[in-house]
Amino acid sequence: MAGGNAETALGYEQARDELIEVVRRLEAGGTTLEESLALWERGEELAKVCRRWLEGARARLDASLATERAADEAVEGAGGE
């Protein structure tokens, strides 16, 4: 994934796993307000990383399917002449 900041260097699975841990810690409680806010902010950052990875995957899949459809149409068009 392209990008210059440290967040984009995280792989999807790594960001997802860390996000799961952040949610677990928030649900468990026992943290101060400041710690909870920091966890929440980190969770938001991780969710954005995951969303960007998923959007990128969707775009790649859509492009691949469009290429496949175009190739199928070209073959069908050539066969009809």
N, C-alpha and C. Protein backbone atom coordinates (compact mmCIF):
# COMPACT_ATOMS: atom_id res chain seq x y z
N MET A 1 0.85 -1.18 0.00
CA MET A 1 0.00 0.00 0.00
C MET A 1 0.89 1.24 0.00
N ALA A 2 0.59 2.17 -0.86
CA ALA A 2 1.42 3.37 -0.98
C ALA A 2 1.09 4.34 0.14
N GLY A 3 2.09 5.14 0.50
CA GLY A 3 1.86 6.16 1.51
C GLY A 3 3.12 6.40 2.29
N GLY A 4 3.23 7.58 2.87
CA GLY A 4 4.46 7.92 3.52
C GLY A 4 4.43 7.84 5.04
N ASN A 5 3.25 7.67 5.64
CA ASN A 5 3.26 7.68 7.10
C ASN A 5 3.32 6.27 7.67
N ALA A 6 3.58 6.19 8.95
CA ALA A 6 3.78 4.90 9.61
C ALA A 6 2.51 4.06 9.59
N GLU A 7 1.33 4.70 9.63
CA GLU A 7 0.09 3.95 9.66
C GLU A 7 -0.10 3.10 8.40
N THR A 8 0.27 3.65 7.24
CA THR A 8 0.08 2.88 6.02
C THR A 8 1.07 1.74 5.90
N ALA A 9 2.12 1.75 6.75
CA ALA A 9 3.08 0.65 6.73
C ALA A 9 2.50 -0.58 7.41
N LEU A 10 1.46 -0.40 8.21
CA LEU A 10 0.82 -1.53 8.87
C LEU A 10 0.07 -2.37 7.84
N GLY A 11 0.24 -3.67 7.91
CA GLY A 11 -0.56 -4.56 7.07
C GLY A 11 -1.97 -4.63 7.62
N TYR A 12 -2.89 -5.11 6.80
CA TYR A 12 -4.28 -5.20 7.23
C TYR A 12 -4.42 -6.08 8.47
N GLU A 13 -3.83 -7.27 8.43
CA GLU A 13 -3.97 -8.20 9.54
C GLU A 13 -3.38 -7.62 10.83
N GLN A 14 -2.23 -6.95 10.71
CA GLN A 14 -1.58 -6.36 11.88
C GLN A 14 -2.48 -5.27 12.48
N ALA A 15 -3.03 -4.40 11.62
CA ALA A 15 -3.91 -3.34 12.10
C ALA A 15 -5.18 -3.92 12.71
N ARG A 16 -5.74 -4.93 12.07
CA ARG A 16 -6.96 -5.57 12.58
C ARG A 16 -6.71 -6.20 13.95
N ASP A 17 -5.60 -6.92 14.07
CA ASP A 17 -5.30 -7.58 15.34
C ASP A 17 -5.08 -6.56 16.46
N GLU A 18 -4.40 -5.47 16.15
CA GLU A 18 -4.19 -4.43 17.16
C GLU A 18 -5.51 -3.77 17.52
N LEU A 19 -6.37 -3.57 16.53
CA LEU A 19 -7.68 -2.97 16.79
C LEU A 19 -8.51 -3.88 17.70
N ILE A 20 -8.45 -5.17 17.47
CA ILE A 20 -9.16 -6.13 18.34
C ILE A 20 -8.66 -6.00 19.77
N GLU A 21 -7.35 -5.88 19.94
CA GLU A 21 -6.77 -5.73 21.27
C GLU A 21 -7.21 -4.42 21.92
N VAL A 22 -7.25 -3.34 21.14
CA VAL A 22 -7.70 -2.04 21.67
C VAL A 22 -9.15 -2.15 22.16
N VAL A 23 -10.00 -2.77 21.36
CA VAL A 23 -11.41 -2.93 21.74
C VAL A 23 -11.52 -3.78 23.00
N ARG A 24 -10.75 -4.86 23.06
CA ARG A 24 -10.77 -5.73 24.24
C ARG A 24 -10.40 -4.95 25.50
N ARG A 25 -9.35 -4.13 25.40
CA ARG A 25 -8.91 -3.35 26.55
C ARG A 25 -9.96 -2.31 26.96
N LEU A 26 -10.60 -1.69 25.98
CA LEU A 26 -11.64 -0.71 26.30
C LEU A 26 -12.83 -1.39 26.97
N GLU A 27 -13.22 -2.56 26.45
CA GLU A 27 -14.36 -3.27 27.02
C GLU A 27 -14.07 -3.79 28.42
N ALA A 28 -12.81 -4.15 28.67
CA ALA A 28 -12.43 -4.68 29.98
C ALA A 28 -12.49 -3.60 31.06
N GLY A 29 -12.31 -2.35 30.66
CA GLY A 29 -12.34 -1.26 31.64
C GLY A 29 -11.08 -1.25 32.48
N GLY A 30 -11.14 -0.54 33.57
CA GLY A 30 -10.01 -0.47 34.48
C GLY A 30 -8.92 0.49 34.04
N THR A 31 -9.19 1.28 33.01
CA THR A 31 -8.22 2.26 32.55
C THR A 31 -8.68 3.65 32.97
N THR A 32 -7.73 4.54 33.05
CA THR A 32 -8.09 5.93 33.39
C THR A 32 -8.76 6.57 32.18
N LEU A 33 -9.36 7.71 32.41
CA LEU A 33 -9.99 8.44 31.32
C LEU A 33 -8.97 8.76 30.23
N GLU A 34 -7.79 9.20 30.64
CA GLU A 34 -6.75 9.55 29.67
C GLU A 34 -6.32 8.32 28.86
N GLU A 35 -6.16 7.19 29.55
CA GLU A 35 -5.79 5.95 28.84
C GLU A 35 -6.89 5.52 27.89
N SER A 36 -8.13 5.63 28.34
CA SER A 36 -9.27 5.26 27.50
C SER A 36 -9.34 6.13 26.25
N LEU A 37 -9.12 7.44 26.42
CA LEU A 37 -9.12 8.34 25.26
C LEU A 37 -8.00 8.00 24.28
N ALA A 38 -6.82 7.69 24.82
CA ALA A 38 -5.70 7.32 23.96
C ALA A 38 -6.00 6.02 23.22
N LEU A 39 -6.61 5.06 23.91
CA LEU A 39 -6.99 3.80 23.25
C LEU A 39 -8.03 4.07 22.16
N TRP A 40 -9.01 4.90 22.47
CA TRP A 40 -10.06 5.22 21.48
C TRP A 40 -9.44 5.85 20.24
N GLU A 41 -8.54 6.82 20.45
CA GLU A 41 -7.89 7.48 19.31
C GLU A 41 -7.08 6.49 18.49
N ARG A 42 -6.37 5.59 19.17
CA ARG A 42 -5.60 4.57 18.45
C ARG A 42 -6.54 3.66 17.67
N GLY A 43 -7.64 3.30 18.28
CA GLY A 43 -8.64 2.47 17.59
C GLY A 43 -9.16 3.13 16.33
N GLU A 44 -9.41 4.43 16.42
CA GLU A 44 -9.89 5.17 15.24
C GLU A 44 -8.84 5.14 14.13
N GLU A 45 -7.58 5.34 14.50
CA GLU A 45 -6.49 5.30 13.50
C GLU A 45 -6.40 3.92 12.86
N LEU A 46 -6.48 2.89 13.67
CA LEU A 46 -6.40 1.51 13.15
C LEU A 46 -7.58 1.19 12.26
N ALA A 47 -8.76 1.66 12.63
CA ALA A 47 -9.95 1.42 11.80
C ALA A 47 -9.79 2.08 10.43
N LYS A 48 -9.18 3.27 10.40
CA LYS A 48 -8.94 3.95 9.13
C LYS A 48 -7.96 3.16 8.27
N VAL A 49 -6.92 2.61 8.90
CA VAL A 49 -5.95 1.79 8.16
C VAL A 49 -6.66 0.59 7.55
N CYS A 50 -7.47 -0.09 8.34
CA CYS A 50 -8.20 -1.26 7.84
C CYS A 50 -9.14 -0.86 6.70
N ARG A 51 -9.83 0.26 6.87
CA ARG A 51 -10.76 0.72 5.83
C ARG A 51 -10.02 1.01 4.53
N ARG A 52 -8.83 1.65 4.62
CA ARG A 52 -8.05 1.94 3.40
C ARG A 52 -7.61 0.65 2.72
N TRP A 53 -7.17 -0.33 3.51
CA TRP A 53 -6.77 -1.61 2.91
C TRP A 53 -7.96 -2.27 2.21
N LEU A 54 -9.13 -2.26 2.86
CA LEU A 54 -10.30 -2.90 2.26
C LEU A 54 -10.76 -2.16 1.01
N GLU A 55 -10.71 -0.82 1.05
CA GLU A 55 -11.08 -0.04 -0.14
C GLU A 55 -10.12 -0.33 -1.29
N GLY A 56 -8.82 -0.45 -0.97
CA GLY A 56 -7.83 -0.78 -1.99
C GLY A 56 -8.06 -2.16 -2.56
N ALA A 57 -8.40 -3.11 -1.70
CA ALA A 57 -8.68 -4.47 -2.17
C ALA A 57 -9.91 -4.47 -3.07
N ARG A 58 -10.93 -3.71 -2.69
CA ARG A 58 -12.15 -3.63 -3.49
C ARG A 58 -11.85 -3.03 -4.87
N ALA A 59 -11.04 -1.98 -4.90
CA ALA A 59 -10.68 -1.34 -6.17
C ALA A 59 -9.91 -2.31 -7.06
N ARG A 60 -8.98 -3.07 -6.48
CA ARG A 60 -8.22 -4.05 -7.26
C ARG A 60 -9.14 -5.14 -7.81
N LEU A 61 -10.07 -5.61 -6.98
CA LEU A 61 -11.01 -6.64 -7.41
C LEU A 61 -11.90 -6.11 -8.53
N ASP A 62 -12.42 -4.90 -8.36
CA ASP A 62 -13.27 -4.30 -9.39
C ASP A 62 -12.51 -4.14 -10.70
N ALA A 63 -11.25 -3.69 -10.63
CA ALA A 63 -10.44 -3.52 -11.84
C ALA A 63 -10.19 -4.86 -12.52
N SER A 64 -9.92 -5.88 -11.73
CA SER A 64 -9.68 -7.21 -12.28
C SER A 64 -10.93 -7.75 -12.96
N LEU A 65 -12.07 -7.57 -12.32
CA LEU A 65 -13.33 -8.04 -12.91
C LEU A 65 -13.66 -7.28 -14.18
N ALA A 66 -13.39 -5.97 -14.20
CA ALA A 66 -13.65 -5.17 -15.39
C ALA A 66 -12.76 -5.63 -16.54
N THR A 67 -11.50 -5.94 -16.25
CA THR A 67 -10.58 -6.42 -17.28
C THR A 67 -11.05 -7.77 -17.82
N GLU A 68 -11.49 -8.63 -16.91
CA GLU A 68 -11.99 -9.94 -17.32
C GLU A 68 -13.24 -9.81 -18.19
N ARG A 69 -14.15 -8.92 -17.81
CA ARG A 69 -15.37 -8.71 -18.61
C ARG A 69 -15.01 -8.18 -20.00
N ALA A 70 -14.08 -7.23 -20.05
CA ALA A 70 -13.67 -6.66 -21.34
C ALA A 70 -13.05 -7.73 -22.22
N ALA A 71 -12.24 -8.60 -21.64
CA ALA A 71 -11.62 -9.68 -22.42
C ALA A 71 -12.68 -10.65 -22.92
N ASP A 72 -13.66 -10.98 -22.09
CA ASP A 72 -14.74 -11.88 -22.50
C ASP A 72 -15.56 -11.26 -23.64
N GLU A 73 -15.83 -9.96 -23.54
CA GLU A 73 -16.59 -9.28 -24.59
C GLU A 73 -15.80 -9.25 -25.89
N ALA A 74 -14.48 -9.06 -25.80
CA ALA A 74 -13.64 -9.05 -27.01
C ALA A 74 -13.66 -10.41 -27.68
N VAL A 75 -13.60 -11.47 -26.89
CA VAL A 75 -13.63 -12.82 -27.45
C VAL A 75 -14.98 -13.09 -28.09
N GLU A 76 -16.05 -12.71 -27.42
CA GLU A 76 -17.39 -12.91 -27.96
C GLU A 76 -17.58 -12.10 -29.25
N GLY A 77 -17.05 -10.87 -29.25
CA GLY A 77 -17.16 -10.03 -30.43
C GLY A 77 -16.38 -10.59 -31.60
N ALA A 78 -15.22 -11.15 -31.35
CA ALA A 78 -14.39 -11.72 -32.41
C ALA A 78 -15.02 -12.99 -32.96
N GLY A 79 -15.71 -13.72 -32.13
CA GLY A 79 -16.31 -14.98 -32.56
C GLY A 79 -17.55 -14.77 -33.38
N GLY A 80 -18.15 -13.62 -33.29
CA GLY A 80 -19.39 -13.35 -34.02
C GLY A 80 -19.18 -12.86 -35.42
N GLU A 81 -17.94 -12.59 -35.80
CA GLU A 81 -17.68 -12.04 -37.14
C GLU A 81 -17.42 -13.12 -38.13
